[in-house]
Amino acid sequence: MIPDLQREALAAWAEVLALAPDVRIGQLLAHLGFLGEAHLGKGLGYIEDDEFLAILYRHRTELEARLQEEMPSTGGPGGSPTGATRR
């Protein structure tokens, strides 16, 4: 049986992958290792599960913020609130 903390980490991993579908699993793993070193001073193999989960949540928040910045401020596709394209 998978412990709850590990189950939560796997769910967060899936959420992060869904937010960045163009990123390969290995790329994400390497990036999370970099974040662990940058924020915790530990290599990926030395990060505890709760620390890894915190890194995943932090990265998820960063991805969500980036996606919000990329969306047009006026609404849907085309820049208008209804999604209609302007001519």
Protein backbone atom coordinates (compact mmCIF):
# COMPACT_ATOMS: atom_id res chain seq x y z
CA MET A 1 0.00 0.00 0.00
CA ILE A 2 1.26 3.46 -0.89
CA PRO A 3 1.54 5.85 2.10
CA ASP A 4 -0.75 8.89 1.95
CA LEU A 5 2.15 11.32 1.56
CA GLN A 6 3.48 9.45 -1.45
CA ARG A 7 -0.02 9.19 -2.94
CA GLU A 8 -0.38 12.96 -2.55
CA ALA A 9 3.02 13.51 -4.19
CA LEU A 10 2.02 11.33 -7.15
CA ALA A 11 -1.23 13.29 -7.55
CA ALA A 12 0.69 16.59 -7.42
CA TRP A 13 3.17 15.18 -9.98
CA ALA A 14 0.24 14.41 -12.32
CA GLU A 15 -1.12 17.95 -11.85
CA VAL A 16 2.26 19.47 -12.72
CA LEU A 17 2.55 17.28 -15.82
CA ALA A 18 -0.95 18.34 -16.90
CA LEU A 19 0.03 22.02 -16.57
CA ALA A 20 3.09 21.49 -18.79
CA PRO A 21 2.15 18.79 -21.32
CA ASP A 22 5.12 19.60 -23.56
CA VAL A 23 7.61 18.74 -20.79
CA ARG A 24 8.98 15.20 -20.75
CA ILE A 25 9.02 13.26 -17.48
CA GLY A 26 12.82 13.26 -17.37
CA GLN A 27 12.92 17.01 -17.92
CA LEU A 28 10.49 17.56 -15.07
CA LEU A 29 12.45 15.26 -12.79
CA ALA A 30 15.69 17.10 -13.60
CA HIS A 31 14.01 20.46 -12.99
CA LEU A 32 12.57 19.32 -9.66
CA GLY A 33 16.05 18.16 -8.68
CA PHE A 34 17.39 21.61 -9.54
CA LEU A 35 14.64 23.23 -7.46
CA GLY A 36 15.48 20.93 -4.54
CA GLU A 37 19.12 21.99 -4.70
CA ALA A 38 18.22 25.66 -5.07
CA HIS A 39 15.62 25.81 -2.29
CA LEU A 40 16.70 23.06 0.09
CA GLY A 41 20.39 22.64 -0.62
CA LYS A 42 19.84 18.91 -1.23
CA GLY A 43 20.16 16.71 -4.27
CA LEU A 44 17.08 14.85 -5.47
CA GLY A 45 18.19 11.59 -3.87
CA TYR A 46 18.41 13.23 -0.44
CA ILE A 47 15.07 15.06 -0.42
CA GLU A 48 12.49 13.62 1.98
CA ASP A 49 9.01 12.89 0.62
CA ASP A 50 7.45 15.87 2.39
CA GLU A 51 10.15 18.16 0.98
CA PHE A 52 9.60 16.73 -2.51
CA LEU A 53 5.88 17.38 -2.14
CA ALA A 54 6.60 20.99 -1.12
CA ILE A 55 8.81 21.41 -4.22
CA LEU A 56 6.01 19.99 -6.40
CA TYR A 57 3.45 22.38 -4.91
CA ARG A 58 5.81 25.32 -5.33
CA HIS A 59 6.44 24.44 -8.98
CA ARG A 60 2.71 23.90 -9.59
CA THR A 61 2.00 27.38 -8.21
CA GLU A 62 4.68 28.86 -10.48
CA LEU A 63 3.21 27.09 -13.53
CA GLU A 64 -0.32 28.24 -12.69
CA ALA A 65 0.89 31.84 -12.34
CA ARG A 66 2.73 31.62 -15.65
CA LEU A 67 -0.38 30.28 -17.39
CA GLN A 68 -2.46 33.11 -15.92
CA GLU A 69 0.02 35.67 -17.26
CA GLU A 70 -0.18 34.13 -20.74
CA MET A 71 -3.99 34.37 -20.93
CA PRO A 72 -5.41 37.54 -22.55
CA SER A 73 -6.72 39.90 -19.88
CA THR A 74 -9.96 40.55 -21.78
CA GLY A 75 -11.25 37.03 -21.83
CA GLY A 76 -11.28 34.14 -24.24
CA PRO A 77 -9.44 33.43 -27.48
CA GLY A 78 -9.11 36.38 -29.79
CA GLY A 79 -8.89 38.80 -26.90
CA SER A 80 -12.60 39.59 -26.56
CA PRO A 81 -14.75 38.51 -23.62
CA THR A 82 -16.96 36.37 -25.89
CA GLY A 83 -14.10 34.72 -27.69
CA ALA A 84 -15.09 36.34 -31.00
CA THR A 85 -12.26 37.31 -33.28
CA ARG A 86 -11.93 41.01 -34.03
CA ARG A 87 -11.63 42.12 -37.64
